[in-house]
Amino acid sequence: MYAYEELKRCSSLCGFHLRAIGKQMKLPFSLSFHLARHTFATNALNNGMRIEHVSKLLDHTNIGTTQIYAKIISQELDDAVDKYIY
């Protein structure tokens, strides 16, 4: 139980610092640990990292969870092509 409590404490502290950074930067949204993980995954995939590696780094037990990020990237590509064609 100690490891869980320590993880919870560290996550809370990380969230506190991320929110403070977001306020200093006057962002129109709140920074969070979840948003940071999501941003990392999206950027890693956009920069060519294999989905298996991203999944492992995020500690996903099912690669299907990581594939959600890949779908976001596919949609971005579709939108870019649509803008180019039209």
C-alpha atoms as a PDB file:
ATOM      1  CA  MET A   1       0.000   0.000   0.000  1.00  0.00           C
ATOM      2  CA  TYR A   2       2.946   2.318   0.631  1.00  0.00           C
ATOM      3  CA  ALA A   3       3.973   2.366  -3.053  1.00  0.00           C
ATOM      4  CA  TYR A   4       0.439   3.342  -4.096  1.00  0.00           C
ATOM      5  CA  GLU A   5       0.322   6.189  -1.571  1.00  0.00           C
ATOM      6  CA  GLU A   6       3.750   7.432  -2.697  1.00  0.00           C
ATOM      7  CA  LEU A   7       2.671   7.341  -6.348  1.00  0.00           C
ATOM      8  CA  LYS A   8      -0.510   9.209  -5.486  1.00  0.00           C
ATOM      9  CA  ARG A   9       1.469  11.858  -3.592  1.00  0.00           C
ATOM     10  CA  CYS A  10       3.970  12.305  -6.428  1.00  0.00           C
ATOM     11  CA  SER A  11       1.203  12.533  -9.044  1.00  0.00           C
ATOM     12  CA  SER A  12      -0.562  15.147  -6.970  1.00  0.00           C
ATOM     13  CA  LEU A  13       2.613  17.180  -6.587  1.00  0.00           C
ATOM     14  CA  CYS A  14       3.320  16.933 -10.322  1.00  0.00           C
ATOM     15  CA  GLY A  15      -0.224  18.122 -11.075  1.00  0.00           C
ATOM     16  CA  PHE A  16       0.206  21.039  -8.691  1.00  0.00           C
ATOM     17  CA  HIS A  17       3.381  22.173 -10.465  1.00  0.00           C
ATOM     18  CA  LEU A  18       1.889  21.699 -13.941  1.00  0.00           C
ATOM     19  CA  ARG A  19      -1.148  23.822 -13.034  1.00  0.00           C
ATOM     20  CA  ALA A  20       1.154  26.540 -11.634  1.00  0.00           C
ATOM     21  CA  ILE A  21       3.228  26.532 -14.841  1.00  0.00           C
ATOM     22  CA  GLY A  22       0.050  26.780 -16.930  1.00  0.00           C
ATOM     23  CA  LYS A  23      -1.160  29.750 -14.901  1.00  0.00           C
ATOM     24  CA  GLN A  24       2.217  31.499 -15.244  1.00  0.00           C
ATOM     25  CA  MET A  25       2.066  30.976 -18.998  1.00  0.00           C
ATOM     26  CA  LYS A  26      -1.546  32.242 -18.995  1.00  0.00           C
ATOM     27  CA  LEU A  27      -2.748  29.208 -20.925  1.00  0.00           C
ATOM     28  CA  PRO A  28      -6.481  29.099 -21.676  1.00  0.00           C
ATOM     29  CA  PHE A  29      -6.625  25.537 -20.295  1.00  0.00           C
ATOM     30  CA  SER A  30      -5.341  23.734 -17.234  1.00  0.00           C
ATOM     31  CA  LEU A  31      -2.209  21.614 -17.495  1.00  0.00           C
ATOM     32  CA  SER A  32      -2.415  18.155 -15.966  1.00  0.00           C
ATOM     33  CA  PHE A  33      -0.378  14.976 -15.778  1.00  0.00           C
ATOM     34  CA  HIS A  34      -2.897  13.260 -18.064  1.00  0.00           C
ATOM     35  CA  LEU A  35      -2.548  16.020 -20.653  1.00  0.00           C
ATOM     36  CA  ALA A  36       1.255  15.730 -20.439  1.00  0.00           C
ATOM     37  CA  ARG A  37       1.099  11.957 -21.070  1.00  0.00           C
ATOM     38  CA  HIS A  38      -1.312  12.460 -23.956  1.00  0.00           C
ATOM     39  CA  THR A  39       0.912  15.145 -25.491  1.00  0.00           C
ATOM     40  CA  PHE A  40       3.992  12.948 -25.124  1.00  0.00           C
ATOM     41  CA  ALA A  41       2.280  10.005 -26.845  1.00  0.00           C
ATOM     42  CA  THR A  42       0.971  12.114 -29.704  1.00  0.00           C
ATOM     43  CA  ASN A  43       4.334  13.822 -30.271  1.00  0.00           C
ATOM     44  CA  ALA A  44       6.244  10.538 -30.052  1.00  0.00           C
ATOM     45  CA  LEU A  45       4.015   8.936 -32.690  1.00  0.00           C
ATOM     46  CA  ASN A  46       4.145  12.055 -34.893  1.00  0.00           C
ATOM     47  CA  ASN A  47       7.940  11.887 -34.756  1.00  0.00           C
ATOM     48  CA  GLY A  48       8.068   8.265 -35.856  1.00  0.00           C
ATOM     49  CA  MET A  49       8.363   6.325 -32.608  1.00  0.00           C
ATOM     50  CA  ARG A  50       6.899   2.842 -32.982  1.00  0.00           C
ATOM     51  CA  ILE A  51       3.529   2.405 -31.328  1.00  0.00           C
ATOM     52  CA  GLU A  52       4.836  -0.609 -29.392  1.00  0.00           C
ATOM     53  CA  HIS A  53       7.501   1.580 -27.784  1.00  0.00           C
ATOM     54  CA  VAL A  54       5.033   4.334 -26.917  1.00  0.00           C
ATOM     55  CA  SER A  55       2.699   1.748 -25.411  1.00  0.00           C
ATOM     56  CA  LYS A  56       5.513   0.338 -23.278  1.00  0.00           C
ATOM     57  CA  LEU A  57       6.630   3.796 -22.118  1.00  0.00           C
ATOM     58  CA  LEU A  58       3.078   4.669 -21.095  1.00  0.00           C
ATOM     59  CA  ASP A  59       2.804   1.291 -19.335  1.00  0.00           C
ATOM     60  CA  HIS A  60      -0.390   0.402 -21.196  1.00  0.00           C
ATOM     61  CA  THR A  61      -1.359  -3.227 -20.652  1.00  0.00           C
ATOM     62  CA  ASN A  62      -3.274  -3.277 -23.942  1.00  0.00           C
ATOM     63  CA  ILE A  63      -1.857  -1.760 -27.134  1.00  0.00           C
ATOM     64  CA  GLY A  64      -5.442  -0.881 -28.086  1.00  0.00           C
ATOM     65  CA  THR A  65      -5.293   1.893 -25.515  1.00  0.00           C
ATOM     66  CA  THR A  66      -2.250   3.359 -27.269  1.00  0.00           C
ATOM     67  CA  GLN A  67      -3.894   3.013 -30.685  1.00  0.00           C
ATOM     68  CA  ILE A  68      -6.308   5.775 -29.664  1.00  0.00           C
ATOM     69  CA  TYR A  69      -3.407   8.202 -30.076  1.00  0.00           C
ATOM     70  CA  ALA A  70      -2.610   6.758 -33.509  1.00  0.00           C
ATOM     71  CA  LYS A  71      -6.215   7.403 -34.597  1.00  0.00           C
ATOM     72  CA  ILE A  72      -5.821  11.040 -33.612  1.00  0.00           C
ATOM     73  CA  ILE A  73      -2.737  11.272 -35.801  1.00  0.00           C
ATOM     74  CA  SER A  74      -4.557   9.571 -38.701  1.00  0.00           C
ATOM     75  CA  GLN A  75      -7.332  12.152 -38.413  1.00  0.00           C
ATOM     76  CA  GLU A  76      -4.767  14.968 -38.475  1.00  0.00           C
ATOM     77  CA  LEU A  77      -3.281  13.507 -41.660  1.00  0.00           C
ATOM     78  CA  ASP A  78      -6.720  13.205 -43.253  1.00  0.00           C
ATOM     79  CA  ASP A  79      -7.469  16.840 -42.391  1.00  0.00           C
ATOM     80  CA  ALA A  80      -4.132  17.983 -43.847  1.00  0.00           C
ATOM     81  CA  VAL A  81      -4.798  16.133 -47.107  1.00  0.00           C
ATOM     82  CA  ASP A  82      -8.310  17.582 -47.304  1.00  0.00           C
ATOM     83  CA  LYS A  83      -6.917  21.109 -46.923  1.00  0.00           C
ATOM     84  CA  TYR A  84      -4.352  20.438 -49.638  1.00  0.00           C
ATOM     85  CA  ILE A  85      -6.890  19.018 -52.106  1.00  0.00           C
ATOM     86  CA  TYR A  86      -9.558  21.640 -51.568  1.00  0.00           C
END
